[in-house]
Each structure stands twice: as structure tokens, then as C-alpha cells.
Protein backbone atom coordinates (compact mmCIF):
# COMPACT_ATOMS: atom_id res chain seq x y z
CA MET A 1 -4.58 18.51 -0.14
CA LYS A 2 -5.40 17.95 3.32
CA PHE A 3 -3.41 15.75 4.13
CA LEU A 4 -4.00 15.39 7.99
CA LYS A 5 -7.26 15.58 7.64
CA ASN A 6 -6.96 12.26 5.18
CA ILE A 7 -5.28 10.17 8.08
CA LEU A 8 -7.16 11.32 11.07
CA SER A 9 -11.38 11.43 11.94
CA GLU A 10 -12.87 14.34 11.77
CA LYS A 11 -12.69 15.04 15.06
CA THR A 12 -9.08 14.51 16.20
CA TYR A 13 -9.01 16.99 12.82
CA ASP A 14 -11.07 19.76 14.46
CA ARG A 15 -9.45 19.24 17.73
CA LEU A 16 -5.95 19.53 16.02
CA VAL A 17 -6.95 23.08 14.56
CA GLU A 18 -8.86 24.25 17.26
CA LYS A 19 -5.22 23.40 19.67
CA LEU A 20 -2.66 24.21 17.07
CA GLY A 21 -4.34 26.87 14.89
CA GLU A 22 -5.17 26.92 11.19
CA ASP A 23 -2.28 28.57 9.91
CA LEU A 24 0.55 25.42 11.32
CA VAL A 25 -2.00 22.72 10.70
CA LYS A 26 -2.05 24.36 7.16
CA GLN A 27 1.98 24.63 6.97
CA ILE A 28 1.71 20.84 7.96
CA ASN A 29 -0.22 19.98 5.77
CA GLU A 30 1.72 22.12 2.63
CA LYS A 31 4.64 19.99 3.98
CA ALA A 32 2.78 16.74 3.60
CA GLU A 33 2.90 16.75 0.05
CA ASP A 34 5.90 16.50 -0.68
CA PHE A 35 5.41 13.25 0.88
CA LYS A 36 4.30 10.03 -0.47
CA ILE A 37 3.84 6.31 2.50
CA ASP A 38 5.34 3.85 0.87
CA VAL A 39 3.16 0.93 2.67
CA ALA A 40 5.99 -2.02 2.36
CA GLU A 41 9.06 -0.40 4.25
CA GLU A 42 6.00 1.69 6.64
CA LYS A 43 7.89 4.87 5.92
CA PHE A 44 7.79 7.96 4.15
CA ILE A 45 9.42 8.62 0.88
CA PRO A 46 9.62 12.07 -0.93
CA LYS A 47 7.09 13.01 -3.80
CA SER A 48 10.34 13.87 -5.71
CA LYS A 49 11.88 10.31 -4.86
CA PHE A 50 8.58 7.95 -6.08
CA ASP A 51 8.31 10.56 -9.12
CA GLU A 52 12.47 10.00 -10.17
CA VAL A 53 12.20 6.10 -10.00
CA ASN A 54 9.10 6.37 -12.43
CA ASN A 55 10.26 7.98 -14.74
CA GLN A 56 13.22 6.00 -14.65
CA ALA A 57 10.86 3.22 -14.74
CA LYS A 58 9.24 4.66 -18.00
CA ASP A 59 12.81 5.60 -19.56
CA TYR A 60 13.87 2.35 -19.29
CA LYS A 61 11.05 0.95 -21.68
CA GLU A 62 11.38 4.32 -24.09
CA GLN A 63 14.55 2.82 -24.53
CA LEU A 64 13.76 -0.95 -25.32
CA VAL A 65 10.70 0.81 -28.16
CA ASP A 66 13.90 2.45 -29.56
CA ARG A 67 16.72 -0.22 -29.63
CA ASP A 68 13.09 -1.91 -30.95
CA LYS A 69 12.82 0.80 -33.81
CA GLN A 70 16.76 0.22 -34.30
CA LEU A 71 17.36 -3.88 -35.37
CA THR A 72 13.86 -2.67 -37.64
CA GLU A 73 15.70 0.13 -39.68
CA LEU A 74 19.16 -1.82 -39.46
CA GLN A 75 17.55 -5.39 -40.72
CA LYS A 76 15.86 -3.24 -43.84
CA SER A 77 19.77 -2.13 -44.89
CA ALA A 78 21.65 -5.51 -44.12
CA LYS A 79 19.73 -7.31 -46.69
CA GLY A 80 21.52 -9.32 -48.26
CA ASN A 81 23.46 -10.22 -45.86
CA GLU A 82 22.84 -13.34 -43.69
CA GLU A 83 25.25 -12.72 -40.88
CA LEU A 84 24.53 -9.06 -39.81
CA THR A 85 20.68 -10.44 -40.41
CA LYS A 86 20.93 -13.30 -38.19
CA GLN A 87 22.66 -11.13 -35.71
CA ILE A 88 19.80 -8.47 -35.77
CA GLU A 89 17.12 -11.34 -35.51
CA SER A 90 19.02 -12.49 -32.96
CA LEU A 91 19.32 -9.01 -30.49
CA GLN A 92 15.03 -8.35 -31.70
CA GLU A 93 14.72 -11.59 -29.95
CA ASP A 94 16.40 -10.32 -26.88
CA ASN A 95 14.57 -7.15 -26.54
CA LYS A 96 11.18 -9.20 -26.59
CA LYS A 97 13.00 -11.41 -23.82
CA LYS A 98 13.57 -8.10 -21.86
CA ILE A 99 10.65 -6.72 -22.15
CA GLU A 100 8.81 -9.71 -20.83
CA GLU A 101 10.99 -10.47 -18.26
CA TYR A 102 10.60 -6.92 -17.05
CA GLU A 103 6.75 -6.79 -17.81
CA THR A 104 6.67 -10.12 -15.68
CA LYS A 105 8.65 -8.60 -12.79
CA LEU A 106 6.36 -5.34 -12.24
CA LYS A 107 3.05 -7.44 -12.45
CA GLU A 108 5.05 -10.35 -9.65
CA ARG A 109 5.82 -6.45 -7.78
CA GLU A 110 2.64 -5.29 -7.95
CA LYS A 111 0.74 -8.02 -6.83
CA GLU A 112 2.78 -8.06 -4.25
CA PHE A 113 1.84 -4.60 -2.73
CA GLN A 114 -1.61 -5.38 -3.21
CA ILE A 115 -0.97 -8.48 -0.70
CA GLU A 116 0.25 -6.43 1.19
CA THR A 117 -1.86 -3.48 1.27
CA SER A 118 -4.50 -5.81 1.92
CA VAL A 119 -2.67 -7.69 4.87
CA ILE A 120 -1.76 -4.20 6.43
CA GLN A 121 -5.25 -3.08 5.92
CA SER A 122 -6.13 -6.13 7.40
CA GLY A 123 -4.82 -5.05 11.24
CA ALA A 124 -2.24 -7.33 10.76
CA LYS A 125 0.50 -7.14 13.90
CA ASN A 126 3.35 -8.95 12.34
CA VAL A 127 3.25 -8.38 8.25
CA LYS A 128 6.06 -10.58 7.68
CA ALA A 129 4.43 -13.67 9.35
CA VAL A 130 0.69 -12.87 8.16
CA LYS A 131 2.06 -12.86 4.21
CA ALA A 132 4.15 -16.02 5.15
CA LEU A 133 0.51 -17.73 5.93
CA LEU A 134 -0.78 -17.12 2.42
CA ASP A 135 -0.88 -18.40 -0.92
CA PRO A 136 -0.47 -15.64 -3.41
CA GLU A 137 -3.09 -17.56 -5.65
CA LYS A 138 -5.57 -18.48 -3.96
CA ASP A 139 -8.34 -15.33 -3.04
CA ILE A 140 -6.14 -13.31 0.03
CA THR A 141 -9.60 -11.39 1.69
CA GLU A 142 -10.52 -15.63 1.79
CA GLN A 143 -7.58 -15.77 4.01
CA LEU A 144 -7.31 -13.61 5.55
CA ASP A 145 -11.08 -13.15 7.31
CA ALA A 146 -9.94 -17.39 8.17
CA LEU A 147 -6.67 -15.99 9.27
CA LYS A 148 -9.06 -13.64 11.98
CA LYS A 149 -11.11 -16.56 12.66
CA SER A 150 -8.29 -19.54 13.31
CA ASP A 151 -5.26 -17.41 14.92
CA ALA A 152 -6.93 -14.33 16.17
CA TYR A 153 -3.87 -13.31 17.80
CA LEU A 154 -2.19 -12.52 14.40
CA PHE A 155 -4.35 -9.79 14.35
CA GLU A 156 -5.04 -5.76 16.25
CA VAL A 157 -8.20 -6.15 18.08
CA SER A 158 -9.94 -2.89 17.40
CA LYS A 159 -11.57 -1.78 21.08
CA VAL A 160 -14.04 0.20 20.49
CA LYS A 161 -15.10 2.86 23.30
CA ASP A 162 -18.51 4.73 24.02
CA GLU A 163 -18.92 8.38 24.75
CA ALA A 164 -18.29 7.69 29.04
CA GLY A 165 -14.58 6.61 27.22
CA GLY A 166 -16.00 2.88 28.29
CA ASP A 167 -15.65 -0.28 27.19
CA PRO A 168 -18.96 -2.16 25.70
CA ASN A 169 -18.22 -5.32 24.98
CA LYS A 170 -17.02 -5.41 28.85
CA LYS A 171 -19.43 -7.17 31.11
CA THR A 172 -18.75 -6.54 34.69
CA ASP A 173 -21.26 -8.22 37.64
CA LYS A 174 -20.86 -3.90 39.90
CA PRO A 175 -23.72 -1.42 38.98
CA THR A 176 -22.32 1.71 38.62
CA PRO A 177 -22.97 4.34 40.88
CA ASP A 178 -25.60 5.21 38.51
CA GLU A 179 -26.78 2.07 38.06
CA PHE A 180 -27.01 1.59 41.79
CA ALA A 181 -28.36 5.23 43.23
CA GLU A 182 -31.31 4.40 40.31
CA PHE A 183 -32.24 0.85 42.21
CA ARG A 184 -32.41 2.60 45.70
CA LYS A 185 -35.12 4.65 44.46
CA LEU A 186 -36.70 1.65 43.45
CA ARG A 187 -36.86 0.55 46.84
């Protein structure tokens, strides 16, 4: 996987390879594969830590499913005992509630992550400030577009530069030396 190639423009990547050499860039790419970007914190976390947390969440979910199976088996064996049957049913209800809460929290976190990712990709200068202005129940893209128009100061302005490095959007009243020379030839 080409980590640097994914985050740099092709021209910048080629210049980096030219300056550092292919071996060093290859080593950087190999080391970078062990990291994932945590967009919410805007910092790197080791891939091993990411995998550990992911696996832990899967384990918890499997444990809840196993408990439900155990309770069902226990309920079958406790068929004449009303009090024990009621306790088992109560535990099953608690497990269902915990599963629902867990899934609700996961959906909320996923939605929060999507909103934050959209805000970061929009070029917001202050992610928290822009997020505070958004209604999570409405279309985030539309809200961001509206904010860019009404409160443009909250977002980075990307300046496109031409080949010479100048800003093509900048209007100047003074002619460039080349334009001045062309003008003198016309006289």
C-alpha cells in the first residue's frame, strides 16, 4: 500500500521520491501501514490498537449472545419453578435492553463520526465550532454549503495558483513586465 501516494499529490510524491530516494520512501510507506488516522482526534493511532478495540467490541457482542443462549437453556431446565423462570425472563429482558442500548450507541457514534468527517472534509478551520452550528437531524451537506455562503470565515479558502505560482484570482492594475514590453512593441 502506498500511504504517501494516497495523501500527497502525484507531483509532490514524485519530487519526494526524487529527493529522498525510492528505498527511503518505501520504508516510510511500510512503517505508515501500521497506523490508521483517527479523524475525530486528528492524530495517528497504531493499527494494532484500532484492531484491539474492534475485536473487543465484537467479543462483548458475542458474550451477550452467549448469555442469551445460556438463559434459554436454563429456562428449559427450570420449567416447574415459577420463581426461577421469572428471574430468567427478567435477565433475558435486561440482556435485550443492553443489546439495544449498545446498538443505539454504535449508531450514534457512527453518525457523529460521519458528521465530523464531513465537517473536516469541508475545510472547517474549527471543527467543534462548525459542528455546534449543525443540526444532526438534517442534511449535513446542505447545512455545510449554507454555512460556507453565510459564514465563510469559518472555512479555509483554497487558493489555486497558476504555473508561475501567482494567484490567478488576484486582479492587479499594474501590468507585468512582459505585458509592458508587449505594449511598447505595439507603439
